[in-house]
Amino acid sequence: MRLGTHLIGATAAATAYYTISPLSFTDIATVGGVYLASSIAGGLLPDICSPRSWIGRRLPLIATIISKTFGHRTFTHSFLFLFIIYFFTQSIEGEWGLAVQTGLLVGIASHLLLDMMTSRGVHLFFPIKFPVRFPFFTKTGSTLGEGSIAVLLTLWVVYFAVTYL
């Protein structure tokens, strides 16, 4: 999937999770904003394994090292990566910490789910090299496939904004 789809996907996942979770930020304007920003960051973070990605072009040394060490859609697209992010964000305390941790994890999960909708899939159980994808999948960047997914996600975000805000 491309940058725009991952951005709207992370936003849609953050809003969807907010509606079904026990999250209830006392200051929705600031802490809720931290949650949403963290979700968007999490939605982009797994592509740090590609020096050509949006985040990879901003952090080229890190992206190149990860790419040469693990390859694309392996380590940073796995449950192991999710667990490591969870572990490292445990030390952030308070409501802001919960917002950052939850947002990052929701965003990363949305990224993995979206990439599982592509023909290449992801190595969800890395270091086991077995690609996981949905039985229905699309080509990255396709107007009908990826474009339709982005439109549906956008409709959800608009519905959330009208209903919950």
Protein backbone atom coordinates (compact mmCIF):
# COMPACT_ATOMS: atom_id res chain seq x y z
CA MET A 1 0.00 0.00 0.00
CA ARG A 2 1.05 3.58 -0.52
CA LEU A 3 1.56 6.49 1.85
CA GLY A 4 -1.94 7.96 1.53
CA THR A 5 -3.63 4.63 2.17
CA HIS A 6 -1.48 4.01 5.24
CA LEU A 7 -2.27 7.52 6.55
CA ILE A 8 -6.03 7.13 6.17
CA GLY A 9 -5.79 3.52 7.36
CA ALA A 10 -4.05 4.53 10.58
CA THR A 11 -6.60 7.31 11.14
CA ALA A 12 -9.49 4.93 10.51
CA ALA A 13 -7.99 2.30 12.84
CA ALA A 14 -7.41 4.89 15.57
CA THR A 15 -10.98 6.14 15.39
CA ALA A 16 -12.42 2.63 15.18
CA TYR A 17 -10.40 1.44 18.17
CA TYR A 18 -11.41 4.54 20.12
CA THR A 19 -15.11 3.67 19.65
CA ILE A 20 -14.74 0.10 20.99
CA SER A 21 -12.01 0.52 23.61
CA PRO A 22 -12.03 1.71 27.21
CA LEU A 23 -9.95 4.74 26.15
CA SER A 24 -11.37 7.93 27.59
CA PHE A 25 -8.92 10.79 27.55
CA THR A 26 -9.63 13.59 30.02
CA ASP A 27 -8.39 16.17 27.53
CA ILE A 28 -9.47 14.92 24.11
CA ALA A 29 -7.99 17.98 22.38
CA THR A 30 -4.41 17.38 23.51
CA VAL A 31 -4.14 13.78 24.71
CA GLY A 32 -6.54 12.64 21.98
CA GLY A 33 -4.36 14.52 19.51
CA VAL A 34 -1.30 12.70 20.83
CA TYR A 35 -3.18 9.39 20.36
CA LEU A 36 -4.10 10.26 16.77
CA ALA A 37 -0.61 11.55 15.91
CA SER A 38 0.93 8.40 17.42
CA SER A 39 -1.45 6.26 15.38
CA ILE A 40 -0.40 8.01 12.19
CA ALA A 41 3.28 7.64 13.12
CA GLY A 42 2.66 3.95 13.82
CA GLY A 43 0.93 3.63 10.46
CA LEU A 44 4.11 4.80 8.73
CA LEU A 45 6.74 3.21 10.98
CA PRO A 46 6.81 -0.35 9.56
CA ASP A 47 8.04 0.97 6.20
CA ILE A 48 11.30 2.03 7.85
CA CYS A 49 12.52 -1.21 6.22
CA SER A 50 12.45 0.48 2.81
CA PRO A 51 14.83 3.35 1.98
CA ARG A 52 12.38 4.39 -0.78
CA SER A 53 9.42 4.82 1.59
CA TRP A 54 8.34 8.18 3.01
CA ILE A 55 9.88 7.45 6.41
CA GLY A 56 12.88 5.70 4.84
CA ARG A 57 13.75 8.82 2.84
CA ARG A 58 13.71 10.86 6.07
CA LEU A 59 15.83 8.34 7.99
CA PRO A 60 17.96 6.85 5.20
CA LEU A 61 20.74 5.38 7.35
CA ILE A 62 18.32 3.49 9.61
CA ALA A 63 16.20 2.41 6.65
CA THR A 64 19.22 1.11 4.75
CA ILE A 65 20.53 -0.84 7.75
CA ILE A 66 17.12 -2.43 8.41
CA SER A 67 16.59 -3.15 4.72
CA LYS A 68 19.98 -4.84 4.29
CA THR A 69 19.65 -6.76 7.56
CA PHE A 70 16.05 -7.99 7.29
CA GLY A 71 14.61 -7.09 3.89
CA HIS A 72 11.22 -5.55 3.11
CA ARG A 73 8.02 -6.57 4.92
CA THR A 74 9.74 -8.94 7.31
CA PHE A 75 10.87 -7.82 10.79
CA THR A 76 9.09 -4.45 10.86
CA HIS A 77 5.91 -6.10 9.55
CA SER A 78 5.69 -8.76 12.27
CA PHE A 79 4.24 -9.55 15.67
CA LEU A 80 7.82 -9.42 16.99
CA PHE A 81 8.10 -5.75 15.96
CA LEU A 82 4.72 -5.00 17.62
CA PHE A 83 5.93 -6.65 20.83
CA ILE A 84 9.20 -4.67 20.81
CA ILE A 85 7.32 -1.38 20.35
CA TYR A 86 4.97 -2.39 23.18
CA PHE A 87 7.92 -3.24 25.42
CA PHE A 88 9.78 0.03 24.76
CA THR A 89 6.69 2.20 25.24
CA GLN A 90 5.85 0.65 28.62
CA SER A 91 8.09 3.15 30.39
CA ILE A 92 6.07 6.18 29.23
CA GLU A 93 3.86 7.03 32.18
CA GLY A 94 0.43 8.57 32.59
CA GLU A 95 -2.38 9.30 30.21
CA TRP A 96 0.04 10.65 27.58
CA GLY A 97 2.03 7.41 27.75
CA LEU A 98 -1.13 5.37 27.23
CA ALA A 99 -2.03 7.59 24.27
CA VAL A 100 1.42 7.19 22.68
CA GLN A 101 1.63 3.44 23.26
CA THR A 102 -1.91 2.65 22.15
CA GLY A 103 -1.66 4.96 19.15
CA LEU A 104 1.60 3.45 17.92
CA LEU A 105 0.32 -0.11 18.30
CA VAL A 106 -2.99 0.64 16.57
CA GLY A 107 -1.18 2.40 13.72
CA ILE A 108 1.31 -0.43 13.24
CA ALA A 109 -1.50 -3.00 13.31
CA SER A 110 -3.37 -1.04 10.64
CA HIS A 111 -0.23 -0.98 8.48
CA LEU A 112 0.21 -4.73 8.78
CA LEU A 113 -3.45 -5.41 7.94
CA LEU A 114 -3.31 -3.16 4.88
CA ASP A 115 -0.11 -4.77 3.61
CA MET A 116 -1.68 -8.20 4.12
CA MET A 117 -4.17 -7.11 1.44
CA THR A 118 -1.38 -7.00 -1.17
CA SER A 119 -0.09 -9.88 -3.27
CA ARG A 120 3.26 -9.96 -1.38
CA GLY A 121 1.70 -10.04 2.07
CA VAL A 122 3.88 -9.69 5.19
CA HIS A 123 6.09 -11.99 7.26
CA LEU A 124 3.83 -11.73 10.29
CA PHE A 125 5.59 -14.52 12.20
CA PHE A 126 9.15 -13.32 11.50
CA PRO A 127 11.77 -14.82 11.89
CA ILE A 128 9.72 -17.59 10.25
CA LYS A 129 9.82 -16.62 6.60
CA PHE A 130 6.26 -17.31 5.57
CA PRO A 131 4.27 -14.54 3.89
CA VAL A 132 0.77 -13.98 5.25
CA ARG A 133 -1.88 -12.32 3.10
CA PHE A 134 -5.63 -12.26 2.84
CA PRO A 135 -7.25 -14.60 0.31
CA PHE A 136 -8.50 -11.47 -1.46
CA PHE A 137 -5.68 -9.10 -2.34
CA THR A 138 -4.87 -6.18 -4.58
CA LYS A 139 -1.94 -4.68 -6.39
CA THR A 140 -0.24 -1.80 -4.57
CA GLY A 141 -1.32 1.50 -6.13
CA SER A 142 -4.20 0.05 -8.15
CA THR A 143 -7.11 2.44 -8.60
CA LEU A 144 -9.80 -0.17 -8.23
CA GLY A 145 -8.24 -2.17 -5.40
CA GLU A 146 -6.19 0.16 -3.22
CA GLY A 147 -8.25 3.18 -4.27
CA SER A 148 -11.48 1.49 -3.17
CA ILE A 149 -9.95 0.56 0.18
CA ALA A 150 -8.83 4.17 0.72
CA VAL A 151 -12.32 5.48 -0.14
CA LEU A 152 -13.98 3.08 2.33
CA LEU A 153 -11.53 4.05 5.07
CA THR A 154 -12.14 7.74 4.36
CA LEU A 155 -15.91 7.22 4.59
CA TRP A 156 -15.44 5.62 8.02
CA VAL A 157 -13.32 8.57 9.25
CA VAL A 158 -15.96 11.05 8.01
CA TYR A 159 -18.71 9.02 9.72
CA PHE A 160 -16.69 8.99 12.96
CA ALA A 161 -16.10 12.75 12.79
CA VAL A 162 -19.77 13.50 12.24
CA THR A 163 -21.00 11.03 14.87
CA TYR A 164 -18.46 11.29 17.69
CA LEU A 165 -17.08 14.80 17.54
